[in-house]
Amino acid sequence: MQNISHVYQLMGRDWISGLRPAKNVGILMAQKIENLINESESHQTSNSIDFQLVILMS
């Protein structure tokens, strides 16, 4: 669940209450979570967090 909070934070949203964002989410997992969030909210999948993840992981 902390992985989801991390992705929400990268998307500029509030993270899940009580679950601090994880710091070690891999790029592929973050992309999968973002896709699932977008699908559940009927948004187009855009992988908008890719750039932020690359910066954080380097």
N, C-alpha and C. Protein backbone atom coordinates (compact mmCIF):
# COMPACT_ATOMS: atom_id res chain seq x y z
N MET A 1 0.81 -1.19 0.00
CA MET A 1 0.00 0.00 0.00
C MET A 1 0.86 1.26 0.00
N GLN A 2 2.03 1.19 0.60
CA GLN A 2 2.92 2.36 0.60
C GLN A 2 3.40 2.66 -0.81
N ASN A 3 3.47 1.62 -1.66
CA ASN A 3 3.83 1.85 -3.06
C ASN A 3 2.79 2.73 -3.74
N ILE A 4 1.51 2.47 -3.44
CA ILE A 4 0.43 3.26 -4.03
C ILE A 4 0.53 4.70 -3.54
N SER A 5 0.78 4.89 -2.27
CA SER A 5 0.95 6.25 -1.74
C SER A 5 2.08 6.97 -2.44
N HIS A 6 3.17 6.26 -2.71
CA HIS A 6 4.32 6.84 -3.41
C HIS A 6 3.91 7.33 -4.80
N VAL A 7 3.17 6.50 -5.52
CA VAL A 7 2.74 6.88 -6.87
C VAL A 7 1.76 8.05 -6.81
N TYR A 8 0.83 8.03 -5.87
CA TYR A 8 -0.07 9.17 -5.71
C TYR A 8 0.73 10.45 -5.47
N GLN A 9 1.74 10.37 -4.64
CA GLN A 9 2.57 11.54 -4.35
C GLN A 9 3.27 12.04 -5.62
N LEU A 10 3.81 11.12 -6.42
CA LEU A 10 4.46 11.50 -7.67
C LEU A 10 3.48 12.11 -8.65
N MET A 11 2.21 11.70 -8.56
CA MET A 11 1.18 12.24 -9.44
C MET A 11 0.65 13.58 -8.94
N GLY A 12 1.20 14.05 -7.82
CA GLY A 12 0.78 15.33 -7.27
C GLY A 12 -0.50 15.26 -6.46
N ARG A 13 -0.81 14.09 -5.98
CA ARG A 13 -2.03 13.89 -5.20
C ARG A 13 -1.69 13.62 -3.74
N ASP A 14 -2.71 13.71 -2.90
CA ASP A 14 -2.55 13.31 -1.51
C ASP A 14 -2.37 11.80 -1.46
N TRP A 15 -1.47 11.35 -0.60
CA TRP A 15 -1.27 9.91 -0.48
C TRP A 15 -2.28 9.33 0.50
N ILE A 16 -2.33 8.01 0.56
CA ILE A 16 -3.30 7.29 1.38
C ILE A 16 -3.05 7.60 2.85
N SER A 17 -4.08 8.05 3.52
CA SER A 17 -3.98 8.40 4.94
C SER A 17 -3.46 7.22 5.76
N GLY A 18 -2.45 7.50 6.57
CA GLY A 18 -1.87 6.48 7.43
C GLY A 18 -0.81 5.62 6.77
N LEU A 19 -0.59 5.79 5.47
CA LEU A 19 0.42 5.01 4.76
C LEU A 19 1.41 5.94 4.09
N ARG A 20 2.51 6.17 4.78
CA ARG A 20 3.54 7.05 4.22
C ARG A 20 4.07 6.44 2.91
N PRO A 21 4.39 7.29 1.95
CA PRO A 21 4.91 6.79 0.68
C PRO A 21 6.22 6.00 0.87
N ALA A 22 6.31 4.88 0.19
CA ALA A 22 7.53 4.08 0.20
C ALA A 22 8.61 4.84 -0.56
N LYS A 23 9.85 4.57 -0.24
CA LYS A 23 10.96 5.25 -0.90
C LYS A 23 11.67 4.37 -1.91
N ASN A 24 11.33 3.11 -1.97
CA ASN A 24 12.08 2.18 -2.82
C ASN A 24 11.19 1.49 -3.86
N VAL A 25 10.30 2.24 -4.48
CA VAL A 25 9.43 1.67 -5.51
C VAL A 25 10.17 1.70 -6.84
N GLY A 26 10.27 0.55 -7.48
CA GLY A 26 10.94 0.48 -8.77
C GLY A 26 10.12 1.14 -9.87
N ILE A 27 10.80 1.50 -10.94
CA ILE A 27 10.15 2.19 -12.05
C ILE A 27 9.04 1.35 -12.65
N LEU A 28 9.28 0.08 -12.90
CA LEU A 28 8.26 -0.77 -13.52
C LEU A 28 7.04 -0.93 -12.63
N MET A 29 7.25 -1.10 -11.34
CA MET A 29 6.12 -1.24 -10.42
C MET A 29 5.33 0.07 -10.34
N ALA A 30 6.03 1.19 -10.29
CA ALA A 30 5.35 2.49 -10.24
C ALA A 30 4.51 2.71 -11.50
N GLN A 31 5.04 2.31 -12.65
CA GLN A 31 4.28 2.44 -13.90
C GLN A 31 3.02 1.57 -13.86
N LYS A 32 3.14 0.35 -13.36
CA LYS A 32 1.99 -0.54 -13.26
C LYS A 32 0.92 0.05 -12.34
N ILE A 33 1.36 0.59 -11.21
CA ILE A 33 0.42 1.19 -10.26
C ILE A 33 -0.25 2.41 -10.88
N GLU A 34 0.52 3.25 -11.56
CA GLU A 34 -0.06 4.42 -12.22
C GLU A 34 -1.10 3.99 -13.26
N ASN A 35 -0.78 2.96 -14.04
CA ASN A 35 -1.73 2.46 -15.03
C ASN A 35 -3.02 1.98 -14.37
N LEU A 36 -2.88 1.25 -13.27
CA LEU A 36 -4.07 0.76 -12.55
C LEU A 36 -4.91 1.91 -12.00
N ILE A 37 -4.25 2.92 -11.46
CA ILE A 37 -4.97 4.10 -10.95
C ILE A 37 -5.74 4.76 -12.09
N ASN A 38 -5.05 4.98 -13.21
CA ASN A 38 -5.70 5.63 -14.35
C ASN A 38 -6.85 4.80 -14.90
N GLU A 39 -6.68 3.48 -14.98
CA GLU A 39 -7.75 2.60 -15.45
C GLU A 39 -8.95 2.64 -14.52
N SER A 40 -8.70 2.62 -13.22
CA SER A 40 -9.80 2.61 -12.26
C SER A 40 -10.57 3.93 -12.26
N GLU A 41 -9.90 5.00 -12.71
CA GLU A 41 -10.54 6.31 -12.77
C GLU A 41 -10.94 6.68 -14.19
N SER A 42 -10.86 5.72 -15.10
CA SER A 42 -11.23 5.91 -16.51
C SER A 42 -10.44 7.02 -17.19
N HIS A 43 -9.16 7.14 -16.85
CA HIS A 43 -8.27 8.10 -17.51
C HIS A 43 -7.41 7.35 -18.51
N GLN A 44 -6.93 8.07 -19.49
CA GLN A 44 -5.98 7.47 -20.40
C GLN A 44 -4.68 7.22 -19.65
N THR A 45 -4.03 6.14 -19.98
CA THR A 45 -2.75 5.83 -19.37
C THR A 45 -1.67 6.64 -20.08
N SER A 46 -0.92 7.41 -19.30
CA SER A 46 0.07 8.28 -19.92
C SER A 46 1.48 8.10 -19.36
N ASN A 47 1.61 7.36 -18.28
CA ASN A 47 2.91 7.21 -17.62
C ASN A 47 3.54 8.56 -17.34
N SER A 48 2.78 9.44 -16.74
CA SER A 48 3.23 10.80 -16.47
C SER A 48 4.32 10.87 -15.41
N ILE A 49 4.51 9.82 -14.67
CA ILE A 49 5.51 9.86 -13.60
C ILE A 49 6.88 9.34 -14.02
N ASP A 50 7.00 8.89 -15.27
CA ASP A 50 8.28 8.31 -15.73
C ASP A 50 9.47 9.23 -15.48
N PHE A 51 9.35 10.48 -15.86
CA PHE A 51 10.47 11.41 -15.71
C PHE A 51 10.86 11.57 -14.24
N GLN A 52 9.86 11.74 -13.38
CA GLN A 52 10.14 11.90 -11.95
C GLN A 52 10.83 10.67 -11.39
N LEU A 53 10.42 9.49 -11.82
CA LEU A 53 11.04 8.26 -11.33
C LEU A 53 12.48 8.14 -11.77
N VAL A 54 12.75 8.49 -13.00
CA VAL A 54 14.13 8.42 -13.49
C VAL A 54 15.02 9.34 -12.67
N ILE A 55 14.53 10.53 -12.37
CA ILE A 55 15.32 11.49 -11.57
C ILE A 55 15.53 10.95 -10.15
N LEU A 56 14.47 10.39 -9.55
CA LEU A 56 14.58 9.88 -8.18
C LEU A 56 15.51 8.67 -8.08
N MET A 57 15.53 7.84 -9.12
CA MET A 57 16.31 6.61 -9.08
C MET A 57 17.79 6.85 -9.42
N SER A 58 18.12 8.01 -9.98
CA SER A 58 19.52 8.23 -10.35
C SER A 58 20.32 8.87 -9.24
